[in-house]
């Protein structure tokens, strides 16, 4: 059985690998309006000095907007912050955009978000 820290580390490594592979794709980050000048997602993130993650705001324990603080909290948020810390050196260099199961892929393809961390499955 995985310990919590080992599981979190494994998850972070897996997500980083997915982001790196997506950034290596020469068409990744290209949008139809040309707003990013043909840069890779990774180059855009580095230049902007912030990662924009698509997360759910209504999934308990994974991504849930706390009505008291107005902040989104949960496992997906913690993973996103850890990725930002690994990539940009600061876990606060994140922006969260609310996504739903219907909107997350179109937002990613359009370039409105850099990555999705929203309880996705392989199917």
C-alpha atoms as a PDB file:
ATOM      1  CA  UNK A   1       0.000   0.000   0.000  1.00  0.00           C
ATOM      2  CA  UNK A   2       1.324   3.427  -0.955  1.00  0.00           C
ATOM      3  CA  UNK A   3       1.984   5.937   1.733  1.00  0.00           C
ATOM      4  CA  UNK A   4       0.438   9.342   1.132  1.00  0.00           C
ATOM      5  CA  UNK A   5       3.730  11.100   0.325  1.00  0.00           C
ATOM      6  CA  UNK A   6       4.842   8.373  -2.075  1.00  0.00           C
ATOM      7  CA  UNK A   7       1.454   8.461  -3.803  1.00  0.00           C
ATOM      8  CA  UNK A   8       1.596  12.266  -4.120  1.00  0.00           C
ATOM      9  CA  UNK A   9       5.147  12.103  -5.486  1.00  0.00           C
ATOM     10  CA  UNK A  10       4.157   9.441  -8.018  1.00  0.00           C
ATOM     11  CA  UNK A  11       1.160  11.505  -9.101  1.00  0.00           C
ATOM     12  CA  UNK A  12       3.254  14.640  -9.493  1.00  0.00           C
ATOM     13  CA  UNK A  13       5.887  12.819 -11.542  1.00  0.00           C
ATOM     14  CA  UNK A  14       3.216  11.321 -13.796  1.00  0.00           C
ATOM     15  CA  UNK A  15       1.525  14.673 -14.347  1.00  0.00           C
ATOM     16  CA  UNK A  16       4.843  16.370 -15.038  1.00  0.00           C
ATOM     17  CA  UNK A  17       5.628  13.723 -17.639  1.00  0.00           C
ATOM     18  CA  UNK A  18       2.291  14.360 -19.336  1.00  0.00           C
ATOM     19  CA  UNK A  19       2.903  18.110 -19.349  1.00  0.00           C
ATOM     20  CA  UNK A  20       6.421  17.735 -20.733  1.00  0.00           C
ATOM     21  CA  UNK A  21       5.217  15.427 -23.481  1.00  0.00           C
ATOM     22  CA  UNK A  22       2.421  17.833 -24.364  1.00  0.00           C
ATOM     23  CA  UNK A  23       4.881  20.728 -24.414  1.00  0.00           C
ATOM     24  CA  UNK A  24       7.201  18.812 -26.749  1.00  0.00           C
ATOM     25  CA  UNK A  25       4.476  18.529 -29.360  1.00  0.00           C
ATOM     26  CA  UNK A  26       5.228  21.220 -31.924  1.00  0.00           C
ATOM     27  CA  UNK A  27       1.528  22.016 -32.322  1.00  0.00           C
ATOM     28  CA  UNK A  28       0.783  22.100 -28.586  1.00  0.00           C
ATOM     29  CA  UNK A  29      -0.073  25.606 -27.518  1.00  0.00           C
ATOM     30  CA  UNK A  30      -0.877  26.743 -31.032  1.00  0.00           C
ATOM     31  CA  UNK A  31      -4.269  28.301 -31.180  1.00  0.00           C
ATOM     32  CA  UNK A  32      -6.274  29.183 -34.225  1.00  0.00           C
ATOM     33  CA  UNK A  33      -5.988  32.890 -33.423  1.00  0.00           C
ATOM     34  CA  UNK A  34      -2.175  32.738 -33.201  1.00  0.00           C
ATOM     35  CA  UNK A  35      -2.189  34.561 -29.864  1.00  0.00           C
ATOM     36  CA  UNK A  36       0.814  32.638 -28.572  1.00  0.00           C
ATOM     37  CA  UNK A  37       2.986  32.980 -31.665  1.00  0.00           C
ATOM     38  CA  UNK A  38       3.501  29.229 -32.095  1.00  0.00           C
ATOM     39  CA  UNK A  39       5.276  28.729 -28.757  1.00  0.00           C
ATOM     40  CA  UNK A  40       5.069  25.419 -26.942  1.00  0.00           C
ATOM     41  CA  UNK A  41       2.951  25.272 -23.811  1.00  0.00           C
ATOM     42  CA  UNK A  42       6.088  25.031 -21.696  1.00  0.00           C
ATOM     43  CA  UNK A  43       7.598  28.161 -23.308  1.00  0.00           C
ATOM     44  CA  UNK A  44       4.343  30.045 -22.737  1.00  0.00           C
ATOM     45  CA  UNK A  45       4.253  28.983 -19.076  1.00  0.00           C
ATOM     46  CA  UNK A  46       7.869  30.041 -18.526  1.00  0.00           C
ATOM     47  CA  UNK A  47       7.337  33.407 -20.235  1.00  0.00           C
ATOM     48  CA  UNK A  48       4.095  34.093 -18.345  1.00  0.00           C
ATOM     49  CA  UNK A  49       5.653  32.833 -15.087  1.00  0.00           C
ATOM     50  CA  UNK A  50       2.342  31.216 -14.175  1.00  0.00           C
ATOM     51  CA  UNK A  51       0.537  27.965 -14.982  1.00  0.00           C
ATOM     52  CA  UNK A  52      -3.183  28.033 -15.730  1.00  0.00           C
ATOM     53  CA  UNK A  53      -4.861  24.832 -14.569  1.00  0.00           C
ATOM     54  CA  UNK A  54      -8.383  23.719 -15.369  1.00  0.00           C
ATOM     55  CA  UNK A  55      -9.899  22.272 -12.198  1.00  0.00           C
ATOM     56  CA  UNK A  56     -13.343  21.314 -11.000  1.00  0.00           C
ATOM     57  CA  UNK A  57     -14.873  23.459  -8.290  1.00  0.00           C
ATOM     58  CA  UNK A  58     -17.511  20.939  -7.199  1.00  0.00           C
ATOM     59  CA  UNK A  59     -15.730  17.650  -6.472  1.00  0.00           C
ATOM     60  CA  UNK A  60     -15.344  16.990  -2.767  1.00  0.00           C
ATOM     61  CA  UNK A  61     -11.772  16.104  -1.702  1.00  0.00           C
ATOM     62  CA  UNK A  62     -10.371  16.809  -5.189  1.00  0.00           C
ATOM     63  CA  UNK A  63     -11.405  20.326  -6.181  1.00  0.00           C
ATOM     64  CA  UNK A  64     -14.046  22.106  -4.148  1.00  0.00           C
ATOM     65  CA  UNK A  65     -14.578  25.840  -3.737  1.00  0.00           C
ATOM     66  CA  UNK A  66     -14.669  26.629  -0.027  1.00  0.00           C
ATOM     67  CA  UNK A  67     -17.608  28.992   0.552  1.00  0.00           C
ATOM     68  CA  UNK A  68     -15.930  30.488   3.636  1.00  0.00           C
ATOM     69  CA  UNK A  69     -12.617  31.438   2.036  1.00  0.00           C
ATOM     70  CA  UNK A  70     -13.611  31.531  -1.637  1.00  0.00           C
ATOM     71  CA  UNK A  71     -10.539  29.383  -2.399  1.00  0.00           C
ATOM     72  CA  UNK A  72     -10.548  26.093  -4.274  1.00  0.00           C
ATOM     73  CA  UNK A  73      -9.182  23.256  -2.123  1.00  0.00           C
ATOM     74  CA  UNK A  74      -8.448  19.554  -2.477  1.00  0.00           C
ATOM     75  CA  UNK A  75      -6.081  16.936  -3.849  1.00  0.00           C
ATOM     76  CA  UNK A  76      -6.119  18.252  -7.441  1.00  0.00           C
ATOM     77  CA  UNK A  77      -5.269  21.737  -6.158  1.00  0.00           C
ATOM     78  CA  UNK A  78      -2.384  20.385  -4.053  1.00  0.00           C
ATOM     79  CA  UNK A  79      -1.024  18.513  -7.085  1.00  0.00           C
ATOM     80  CA  UNK A  80      -1.283  21.666  -9.224  1.00  0.00           C
ATOM     81  CA  UNK A  81       0.599  23.709  -6.634  1.00  0.00           C
ATOM     82  CA  UNK A  82       3.321  21.050  -6.379  1.00  0.00           C
ATOM     83  CA  UNK A  83       3.708  21.060 -10.177  1.00  0.00           C
ATOM     84  CA  UNK A  84       4.043  24.843 -10.175  1.00  0.00           C
ATOM     85  CA  UNK A  85       6.682  24.579  -7.466  1.00  0.00           C
ATOM     86  CA  UNK A  86       8.645  21.998  -9.490  1.00  0.00           C
ATOM     87  CA  UNK A  87       8.362  23.868 -12.794  1.00  0.00           C
ATOM     88  CA  UNK A  88       8.475  27.530 -11.725  1.00  0.00           C
ATOM     89  CA  UNK A  89       9.962  27.284  -8.232  1.00  0.00           C
ATOM     90  CA  UNK A  90       6.894  28.730  -6.483  1.00  0.00           C
ATOM     91  CA  UNK A  91       3.621  27.012  -5.691  1.00  0.00           C
ATOM     92  CA  UNK A  92       1.746  30.323  -5.754  1.00  0.00           C
ATOM     93  CA  UNK A  93       2.393  30.857  -9.472  1.00  0.00           C
ATOM     94  CA  UNK A  94      -0.869  29.166 -10.432  1.00  0.00           C
ATOM     95  CA  UNK A  95      -4.210  30.273 -11.727  1.00  0.00           C
ATOM     96  CA  UNK A  96      -7.251  28.059 -11.468  1.00  0.00           C
ATOM     97  CA  UNK A  97     -10.002  28.104 -14.071  1.00  0.00           C
ATOM     98  CA  UNK A  98     -13.231  26.255 -13.364  1.00  0.00           C
ATOM     99  CA  UNK A  99     -13.928  23.440 -15.812  1.00  0.00           C
ATOM    100  CA  UNK A 100     -16.620  20.835 -16.196  1.00  0.00           C
ATOM    101  CA  UNK A 101     -16.434  17.434 -17.843  1.00  0.00           C
ATOM    102  CA  UNK A 102     -17.863  19.041 -21.000  1.00  0.00           C
ATOM    103  CA  UNK A 103     -15.641  22.115 -21.131  1.00  0.00           C
ATOM    104  CA  UNK A 104     -12.204  20.916 -20.023  1.00  0.00           C
ATOM    105  CA  UNK A 105     -10.957  19.436 -23.320  1.00  0.00           C
ATOM    106  CA  UNK A 106     -12.237  22.334 -25.486  1.00  0.00           C
ATOM    107  CA  UNK A 107     -10.610  24.848 -23.099  1.00  0.00           C
ATOM    108  CA  UNK A 108      -7.310  22.966 -23.324  1.00  0.00           C
ATOM    109  CA  UNK A 109      -7.450  22.704 -27.117  1.00  0.00           C
ATOM    110  CA  UNK A 110      -8.328  26.393 -27.419  1.00  0.00           C
ATOM    111  CA  UNK A 111      -5.361  27.374 -25.236  1.00  0.00           C
ATOM    112  CA  UNK A 112      -7.401  28.952 -22.440  1.00  0.00           C
ATOM    113  CA  UNK A 113      -5.757  26.603 -19.928  1.00  0.00           C
ATOM    114  CA  UNK A 114      -2.307  25.018 -19.905  1.00  0.00           C
ATOM    115  CA  UNK A 115      -3.234  21.748 -18.195  1.00  0.00           C
ATOM    116  CA  UNK A 116      -6.200  19.887 -16.758  1.00  0.00           C
ATOM    117  CA  UNK A 117      -6.239  18.491 -13.259  1.00  0.00           C
ATOM    118  CA  UNK A 118      -9.869  17.555 -12.873  1.00  0.00           C
ATOM    119  CA  UNK A 119     -10.454  13.917 -11.885  1.00  0.00           C
ATOM    120  CA  UNK A 120     -10.078  12.663 -15.464  1.00  0.00           C
ATOM    121  CA  UNK A 121      -9.997   8.991 -16.316  1.00  0.00           C
ATOM    122  CA  UNK A 122      -8.549   7.210 -19.317  1.00  0.00           C
ATOM    123  CA  UNK A 123     -12.015   6.661 -20.776  1.00  0.00           C
END
